[in-house]
Amino acid sequence: MPLLADLVDAVVGVDTHRDSHEVEIALPTGTPIATCSISNDSSGYAELLAWIGDHAPGPRLVVSIEGTRSYGLGLTRAVTAAGLPVVECEQPNRKARRGRGKSDPIDAHLAVLAALRLETDRIPTPRADGDREALRILLGTRQELTTTGTAQTNRLRALLLGGDDTDRRGWPAAACPATPAASRPCAMPRSAGSPWPCATVAAHSRPTGRSSRRSSTRSPRA
């Protein structure tokens, strides 16, 4: 299977950031032609398109952008609208950066090399906008709301479990299901002047089954 480097005249690699992008255009051999830095706004996108037209050695171009659904979203839309194919580039791992350091121009060059090594039948393209993207956002938001609502309900049920009958009476059965009286530590009557339930104090003061059996089987001394 041929590589992308065999089918293009140049590759543009972009390392995206919140405020600016670092760009490099290189030959299919990986040799850099020129580099530049643009702002992450409409004027920067127009500047980049004009810059690509001035430095491209041929019409067959591919733009490799890192973070096409993050900081590079606006640039991806502008480049796609201009008719240039976009390849989604993943962030380089530590093995690829080893011995080269870490900087924006280096990351832009690594974006170029990552695109050149791709096989033509395995080119990752950015997710398209439109109904599909809107549905993805809707489903993701629904899942997040469902997870948050379940967590809040479980937290509320845990709080009501330690309350008394008055606290639970005002809530629906689904939010606070009925529990046996034995599992309601705070619903027991309390002794006067004591914060602890009477049954709790009695349970701690009552001898255990083992000690009671010992006392019943032990013969009195003569």
Protein backbone atom coordinates (compact mmCIF):
# COMPACT_ATOMS: atom_id res chain seq x y z
CA MET A 1 0.00 0.00 0.00
CA PRO A 2 1.53 3.38 -0.99
CA LEU A 3 2.26 5.98 1.64
CA LEU A 4 0.91 9.49 1.68
CA ALA A 5 4.42 10.77 0.93
CA ASP A 6 4.21 9.14 -2.52
CA LEU A 7 1.08 11.07 -3.51
CA VAL A 8 1.64 14.66 -2.35
CA ASP A 9 3.88 17.55 -3.28
CA ALA A 10 4.08 18.94 0.26
CA VAL A 11 2.63 18.52 3.73
CA VAL A 12 1.70 21.30 6.13
CA GLY A 13 2.05 20.42 9.82
CA VAL A 14 0.30 22.51 12.47
CA ASP A 15 0.89 22.46 16.22
CA THR A 16 -2.21 24.09 17.69
CA HIS A 17 -2.57 26.14 20.87
CA ARG A 18 -5.20 28.35 22.43
CA ASP A 19 -3.87 31.69 21.15
CA SER A 20 -1.51 30.80 18.29
CA HIS A 21 -0.48 27.96 15.97
CA GLU A 22 2.98 26.91 14.82
CA VAL A 23 3.08 25.85 11.15
CA GLU A 24 5.64 24.11 8.96
CA ILE A 25 5.47 23.15 5.30
CA ALA A 26 7.79 20.38 4.14
CA LEU A 27 8.60 18.27 1.11
CA PRO A 28 7.55 14.59 0.87
CA THR A 29 11.05 13.69 2.05
CA GLY A 30 10.43 15.56 5.31
CA THR A 31 12.73 18.44 4.46
CA PRO A 32 11.27 21.70 5.81
CA ILE A 33 10.52 24.45 3.30
CA ALA A 34 9.37 27.24 5.61
CA THR A 35 7.83 27.85 9.02
CA CYS A 36 5.53 30.49 10.44
CA SER A 37 3.32 31.31 13.41
CA ILE A 38 -0.27 32.50 13.11
CA SER A 39 -2.93 33.67 15.53
CA ASN A 40 -5.88 31.46 16.34
CA ASP A 41 -8.54 33.65 14.71
CA SER A 42 -10.02 34.42 11.31
CA SER A 43 -7.20 36.77 10.29
CA GLY A 44 -4.64 34.09 11.18
CA TYR A 45 -6.45 31.51 9.08
CA ALA A 46 -6.50 33.81 6.07
CA GLU A 47 -2.83 34.55 6.61
CA LEU A 48 -2.01 30.85 6.68
CA LEU A 49 -3.90 30.12 3.45
CA ALA A 50 -2.04 32.89 1.66
CA TRP A 51 1.25 31.67 3.13
CA ILE A 52 0.61 28.13 1.90
CA GLY A 53 -0.09 29.43 -1.60
CA ASP A 54 3.22 31.31 -1.62
CA HIS A 55 5.38 28.36 -0.43
CA ALA A 56 3.66 25.27 -1.84
CA PRO A 57 5.80 23.55 -4.50
CA GLY A 58 2.76 21.96 -6.15
CA PRO A 59 -1.01 21.64 -6.05
CA ARG A 60 -1.13 18.33 -4.15
CA LEU A 61 -1.16 19.41 -0.52
CA VAL A 62 -2.25 17.87 2.76
CA VAL A 63 -2.61 19.73 6.05
CA SER A 64 -1.83 17.72 9.18
CA ILE A 65 -3.45 19.41 12.20
CA GLU A 66 -3.11 18.42 15.83
CA GLY A 67 -6.29 18.73 17.88
CA THR A 68 -8.86 19.12 15.12
CA ARG A 69 -11.74 19.10 17.65
CA SER A 70 -9.96 21.26 20.21
CA TYR A 71 -7.75 24.30 19.64
CA GLY A 72 -7.49 23.46 15.96
CA LEU A 73 -11.22 23.34 15.28
CA GLY A 74 -11.48 26.80 13.74
CA LEU A 75 -8.41 26.26 11.57
CA THR A 76 -9.72 22.87 10.43
CA ARG A 77 -12.98 24.44 9.26
CA ALA A 78 -11.17 27.25 7.43
CA VAL A 79 -8.74 24.90 5.67
CA THR A 80 -11.52 22.49 4.72
CA ALA A 81 -13.62 25.34 3.34
CA ALA A 82 -10.62 26.37 1.20
CA GLY A 83 -10.59 22.92 -0.43
CA LEU A 84 -7.47 21.49 1.22
CA PRO A 85 -7.61 17.95 2.66
CA VAL A 86 -7.03 17.74 6.41
CA VAL A 87 -5.43 14.87 8.29
CA GLU A 88 -6.02 14.53 12.01
CA CYS A 89 -2.67 14.24 13.74
CA GLU A 90 -2.33 12.76 17.22
CA GLN A 91 0.01 14.24 19.76
CA PRO A 92 3.50 12.74 19.44
CA ASN A 93 4.43 10.32 22.19
CA ARG A 94 7.56 10.48 24.30
CA LYS A 95 9.33 7.93 22.13
CA ALA A 96 8.97 10.13 19.05
CA ARG A 97 10.21 13.16 21.01
CA ARG A 98 13.16 11.38 22.56
CA GLY A 99 16.42 13.11 21.70
CA ARG A 100 14.64 16.04 20.00
CA GLY A 101 13.36 18.06 22.91
CA LYS A 102 9.98 19.73 23.23
CA SER A 103 9.02 22.94 21.43
CA ASP A 104 6.29 24.19 19.12
CA PRO A 105 8.41 24.06 15.92
CA ILE A 106 9.45 20.50 16.76
CA ASP A 107 5.83 19.47 17.29
CA ALA A 108 4.88 21.03 13.95
CA HIS A 109 7.64 19.06 12.24
CA LEU A 110 6.50 15.86 13.96
CA ALA A 111 2.99 16.52 12.63
CA VAL A 112 4.48 16.61 9.12
CA LEU A 113 6.38 13.35 9.64
CA ALA A 114 3.33 11.62 11.11
CA ALA A 115 1.29 12.46 8.00
CA LEU A 116 4.00 11.37 5.58
CA ARG A 117 4.19 7.92 7.17
CA LEU A 118 0.47 7.23 6.85
CA GLU A 119 -0.82 4.63 4.43
CA THR A 120 -3.31 5.95 1.93
CA ASP A 121 -6.07 3.58 3.08
CA ARG A 122 -5.64 4.48 6.78
CA ILE A 123 -5.72 8.26 6.75
CA PRO A 124 -7.52 9.62 9.84
CA THR A 125 -9.85 12.44 8.89
CA PRO A 126 -11.50 14.88 11.31
CA ARG A 127 -15.09 14.33 12.40
CA ALA A 128 -17.48 16.19 10.15
CA ASP A 129 -19.76 18.97 11.36
CA GLY A 130 -23.50 19.01 10.80
CA ASP A 131 -26.20 16.66 12.06
CA ARG A 132 -23.74 13.96 13.09
CA GLU A 133 -21.73 16.30 15.27
CA ALA A 134 -24.88 17.82 16.76
CA LEU A 135 -26.17 14.34 17.62
CA ARG A 136 -22.82 13.43 19.21
CA ILE A 137 -22.97 16.52 21.42
CA LEU A 138 -26.60 15.81 22.34
CA LEU A 139 -25.92 12.20 23.31
CA GLY A 140 -22.81 13.16 25.26
CA THR A 141 -24.71 15.82 27.20
CA ARG A 142 -27.56 13.42 27.92
CA GLN A 143 -25.16 10.79 29.24
CA GLU A 144 -23.45 13.37 31.45
CA LEU A 145 -26.78 14.58 32.86
CA THR A 146 -27.88 11.00 33.54
CA THR A 147 -24.65 10.20 35.37
CA THR A 148 -24.81 13.39 37.41
CA GLY A 149 -28.47 12.87 38.31
CA THR A 150 -27.83 9.30 39.45
CA ALA A 151 -24.91 10.40 41.61
CA GLN A 152 -26.98 13.16 43.24
CA THR A 153 -29.86 10.76 43.93
CA ASN A 154 -27.54 8.23 45.54
CA ARG A 155 -25.95 10.97 47.65
CA LEU A 156 -29.38 12.17 48.81
CA ARG A 157 -30.50 8.65 49.69
CA ALA A 158 -27.34 8.16 51.73
CA LEU A 159 -28.05 11.37 53.66
CA LEU A 160 -31.71 10.46 54.30
CA LEU A 161 -30.71 7.03 55.55
CA GLY A 162 -29.20 8.67 58.63
CA GLY A 163 -32.21 10.87 59.28
CA ASP A 164 -35.42 10.21 61.15
CA ASP A 165 -38.92 9.52 59.89
CA THR A 166 -39.72 13.23 59.68
CA ASP A 167 -36.85 13.78 57.24
CA ARG A 168 -37.93 10.91 55.04
CA ARG A 169 -41.65 11.64 55.11
CA GLY A 170 -41.44 14.59 52.71
CA TRP A 171 -39.58 12.69 49.98
CA PRO A 172 -41.02 10.29 47.41
CA ALA A 173 -40.60 6.59 47.89
CA ALA A 174 -38.29 6.34 44.88
CA ALA A 175 -35.83 8.76 46.44
CA CYS A 176 -36.04 7.28 49.93
CA PRO A 177 -37.36 3.73 50.05
CA ALA A 178 -38.85 2.32 53.19
CA THR A 179 -36.33 0.62 55.46
CA PRO A 180 -36.90 -1.78 58.34
CA ALA A 181 -37.00 -0.28 61.78
CA ALA A 182 -33.94 -2.27 62.78
CA SER A 183 -31.87 -0.48 60.14
CA ARG A 184 -32.91 3.00 61.30
CA PRO A 185 -30.43 3.93 64.00
CA CYS A 186 -31.69 7.49 64.40
CA ALA A 187 -35.38 6.51 64.55
CA MET A 188 -34.95 4.83 67.94
CA PRO A 189 -36.05 6.70 71.09
CA ARG A 190 -33.35 8.61 72.88
CA SER A 191 -32.80 8.85 76.59
CA ALA A 192 -33.21 12.24 78.22
CA GLY A 193 -30.06 14.32 78.03
CA SER A 194 -28.22 11.76 75.89
CA PRO A 195 -27.45 12.13 72.18
CA TRP A 196 -27.40 8.36 71.73
CA PRO A 197 -30.45 6.16 71.12
CA CYS A 198 -31.59 4.08 74.09
CA ALA A 199 -31.35 0.90 72.08
CA THR A 200 -27.74 1.71 71.19
CA VAL A 201 -26.80 2.22 74.83
CA ALA A 202 -28.64 -0.96 75.81
CA ALA A 203 -26.91 -2.93 73.08
CA HIS A 204 -23.50 -1.82 74.33
CA SER A 205 -24.38 -2.52 77.94
CA ARG A 206 -26.05 -5.90 77.27
CA PRO A 207 -23.71 -8.91 77.62
CA THR A 208 -22.96 -10.78 74.43
CA GLY A 209 -24.25 -14.24 73.75
CA ARG A 210 -20.87 -15.87 74.37
CA SER A 211 -20.34 -14.22 77.76
CA SER A 212 -23.91 -15.03 78.83
CA ARG A 213 -23.44 -18.68 77.93
CA ARG A 214 -20.22 -18.78 79.90
CA SER A 215 -21.89 -17.29 82.97
CA SER A 216 -24.81 -19.74 82.76
CA THR A 217 -22.63 -22.84 82.41
CA ARG A 218 -20.07 -21.83 85.02
CA SER A 219 -20.77 -23.64 88.32
CA PRO A 220 -20.70 -21.60 91.50
CA ARG A 221 -17.73 -22.00 93.74
CA ALA A 222 -18.21 -23.81 97.01
